[in-house]
Amino acid sequence: MAKIKITQVKSIIDRPKKQKDTIKALGLRKINHSVVHEVNPQILGMVSKISHLVRVEEA
């Protein structure tokens, strides 16, 4: 399966609770922190909801 690297590039201060929860569910903790996940519909849906806060690359 393909993998993607998700990096948080913007702060979650003053963001709605749903966006904060999504960032935490992906395993991101602070700016410039990266995680690698398998590509599946759930992960892609989460990333699409917070695309303005993260950078996504193929891993």
N, C-alpha and C. Protein backbone atom coordinates (compact mmCIF):
# COMPACT_ATOMS: atom_id res chain seq x y z
N MET A 1 0.84 -1.19 0.00
CA MET A 1 0.00 0.00 0.00
C MET A 1 0.88 1.25 0.00
N ALA A 2 0.38 2.31 -0.54
CA ALA A 2 1.12 3.57 -0.58
C ALA A 2 1.08 4.23 0.80
N LYS A 3 2.07 5.05 1.04
CA LYS A 3 2.14 5.78 2.31
C LYS A 3 2.25 7.27 2.02
N ILE A 4 1.73 8.08 2.93
CA ILE A 4 1.87 9.53 2.81
C ILE A 4 2.48 10.08 4.09
N LYS A 5 3.25 11.13 3.93
CA LYS A 5 3.86 11.83 5.06
C LYS A 5 3.08 13.12 5.26
N ILE A 6 2.55 13.31 6.45
CA ILE A 6 1.74 14.48 6.78
C ILE A 6 2.51 15.33 7.77
N THR A 7 2.71 16.60 7.44
CA THR A 7 3.46 17.52 8.29
C THR A 7 2.58 18.70 8.64
N GLN A 8 2.48 19.01 9.93
CA GLN A 8 1.71 20.18 10.35
C GLN A 8 2.54 21.42 10.08
N VAL A 9 1.95 22.39 9.38
CA VAL A 9 2.69 23.61 9.03
C VAL A 9 2.07 24.87 9.63
N LYS A 10 0.87 24.77 10.17
CA LYS A 10 0.23 25.92 10.80
C LYS A 10 -0.29 25.54 12.18
N SER A 11 -0.44 26.54 13.02
CA SER A 11 -0.89 26.34 14.39
C SER A 11 -2.37 25.99 14.45
N ILE A 12 -2.76 25.27 15.50
CA ILE A 12 -4.17 24.96 15.70
C ILE A 12 -4.82 25.90 16.71
N ILE A 13 -4.10 26.92 17.12
CA ILE A 13 -4.68 27.93 18.02
C ILE A 13 -5.78 28.67 17.26
N ASP A 14 -6.91 28.90 17.91
CA ASP A 14 -8.07 29.58 17.34
C ASP A 14 -8.70 28.80 16.18
N ARG A 15 -8.58 27.50 16.19
CA ARG A 15 -9.24 26.64 15.20
C ARG A 15 -10.42 25.95 15.87
N PRO A 16 -11.42 25.56 15.09
CA PRO A 16 -12.56 24.83 15.68
C PRO A 16 -12.11 23.51 16.33
N LYS A 17 -12.87 23.07 17.31
CA LYS A 17 -12.52 21.85 18.05
C LYS A 17 -12.42 20.64 17.13
N LYS A 18 -13.25 20.55 16.11
CA LYS A 18 -13.19 19.41 15.19
C LYS A 18 -11.84 19.35 14.48
N GLN A 19 -11.31 20.51 14.08
CA GLN A 19 -10.01 20.52 13.41
C GLN A 19 -8.90 20.15 14.39
N LYS A 20 -8.96 20.63 15.61
CA LYS A 20 -7.97 20.26 16.63
C LYS A 20 -7.99 18.76 16.88
N ASP A 21 -9.20 18.19 16.98
CA ASP A 21 -9.33 16.76 17.23
C ASP A 21 -8.80 15.95 16.06
N THR A 22 -9.01 16.43 14.84
CA THR A 22 -8.51 15.72 13.66
C THR A 22 -6.99 15.72 13.63
N ILE A 23 -6.38 16.86 13.95
CA ILE A 23 -4.91 16.93 14.01
C ILE A 23 -4.38 15.92 15.03
N LYS A 24 -5.00 15.87 16.20
CA LYS A 24 -4.55 14.94 17.24
C LYS A 24 -4.79 13.49 16.84
N ALA A 25 -5.90 13.22 16.16
CA ALA A 25 -6.20 11.85 15.73
C ALA A 25 -5.18 11.35 14.71
N LEU A 26 -4.62 12.26 13.92
CA LEU A 26 -3.59 11.88 12.97
C LEU A 26 -2.24 11.67 13.66
N GLY A 27 -2.11 12.12 14.91
CA GLY A 27 -0.87 11.91 15.65
C GLY A 27 0.07 13.10 15.60
N LEU A 28 -0.42 14.23 15.09
CA LEU A 28 0.42 15.43 15.03
C LEU A 28 0.37 16.16 16.36
N ARG A 29 1.52 16.72 16.77
CA ARG A 29 1.59 17.36 18.08
C ARG A 29 1.89 18.85 18.00
N LYS A 30 2.79 19.24 17.11
CA LYS A 30 3.17 20.64 17.03
C LYS A 30 3.63 20.96 15.61
N ILE A 31 3.89 22.21 15.36
CA ILE A 31 4.30 22.65 14.03
C ILE A 31 5.60 21.96 13.64
N ASN A 32 5.67 21.55 12.39
CA ASN A 32 6.80 20.84 11.78
C ASN A 32 6.93 19.39 12.25
N HIS A 33 5.97 18.89 12.98
CA HIS A 33 5.95 17.47 13.36
C HIS A 33 5.35 16.68 12.20
N SER A 34 5.95 15.54 11.87
CA SER A 34 5.49 14.73 10.75
C SER A 34 5.11 13.32 11.20
N VAL A 35 4.15 12.74 10.51
CA VAL A 35 3.76 11.36 10.72
C VAL A 35 3.58 10.70 9.36
N VAL A 36 3.73 9.38 9.32
CA VAL A 36 3.54 8.62 8.09
C VAL A 36 2.36 7.68 8.30
N HIS A 37 1.42 7.71 7.36
CA HIS A 37 0.23 6.86 7.43
C HIS A 37 0.04 6.13 6.11
N GLU A 38 -0.61 4.97 6.19
CA GLU A 38 -1.04 4.26 4.99
C GLU A 38 -2.16 5.08 4.34
N VAL A 39 -2.22 5.03 3.01
CA VAL A 39 -3.28 5.73 2.30
C VAL A 39 -4.54 4.88 2.36
N ASN A 40 -5.60 5.46 2.93
CA ASN A 40 -6.92 4.82 2.92
C ASN A 40 -7.97 5.93 2.96
N PRO A 41 -9.22 5.61 2.70
CA PRO A 41 -10.25 6.67 2.62
C PRO A 41 -10.39 7.48 3.91
N GLN A 42 -10.21 6.83 5.06
CA GLN A 42 -10.36 7.55 6.32
C GLN A 42 -9.28 8.62 6.48
N ILE A 43 -8.03 8.25 6.21
CA ILE A 43 -6.92 9.19 6.35
C ILE A 43 -7.06 10.32 5.33
N LEU A 44 -7.42 9.99 4.09
CA LEU A 44 -7.58 11.02 3.06
C LEU A 44 -8.70 11.99 3.41
N GLY A 45 -9.77 11.49 4.02
CA GLY A 45 -10.86 12.36 4.44
C GLY A 45 -10.43 13.31 5.55
N MET A 46 -9.65 12.80 6.49
CA MET A 46 -9.15 13.64 7.57
C MET A 46 -8.22 14.72 7.03
N VAL A 47 -7.35 14.33 6.11
CA VAL A 47 -6.40 15.28 5.54
C VAL A 47 -7.14 16.36 4.74
N SER A 48 -8.19 15.99 4.04
CA SER A 48 -8.92 16.98 3.24
C SER A 48 -9.60 18.03 4.13
N LYS A 49 -10.00 17.64 5.33
CA LYS A 49 -10.65 18.57 6.25
C LYS A 49 -9.67 19.57 6.87
N ILE A 50 -8.40 19.21 6.93
CA ILE A 50 -7.41 20.10 7.54
C ILE A 50 -6.29 20.42 6.56
N SER A 51 -6.59 20.40 5.27
CA SER A 51 -5.55 20.60 4.25
C SER A 51 -4.88 21.97 4.36
N HIS A 52 -5.56 22.94 4.94
CA HIS A 52 -4.99 24.27 5.10
C HIS A 52 -3.99 24.35 6.26
N LEU A 53 -3.90 23.29 7.07
CA LEU A 53 -3.00 23.27 8.22
C LEU A 53 -1.81 22.34 8.03
N VAL A 54 -1.85 21.50 7.00
CA VAL A 54 -0.82 20.48 6.83
C VAL A 54 -0.24 20.49 5.42
N ARG A 55 0.92 19.82 5.29
CA ARG A 55 1.55 19.58 3.99
C ARG A 55 1.61 18.06 3.82
N VAL A 56 1.23 17.57 2.64
CA VAL A 56 1.18 16.13 2.40
C VAL A 56 2.16 15.78 1.29
N GLU A 57 2.98 14.74 1.53
CA GLU A 57 3.95 14.27 0.55
C GLU A 57 3.84 12.76 0.48
N GLU A 58 4.26 12.18 -0.65
CA GLU A 58 4.34 10.74 -0.75
C GLU A 58 5.57 10.26 -0.01
N ALA A 59 5.43 9.15 0.69
CA ALA A 59 6.57 8.62 1.45
C ALA A 59 7.03 7.31 0.87
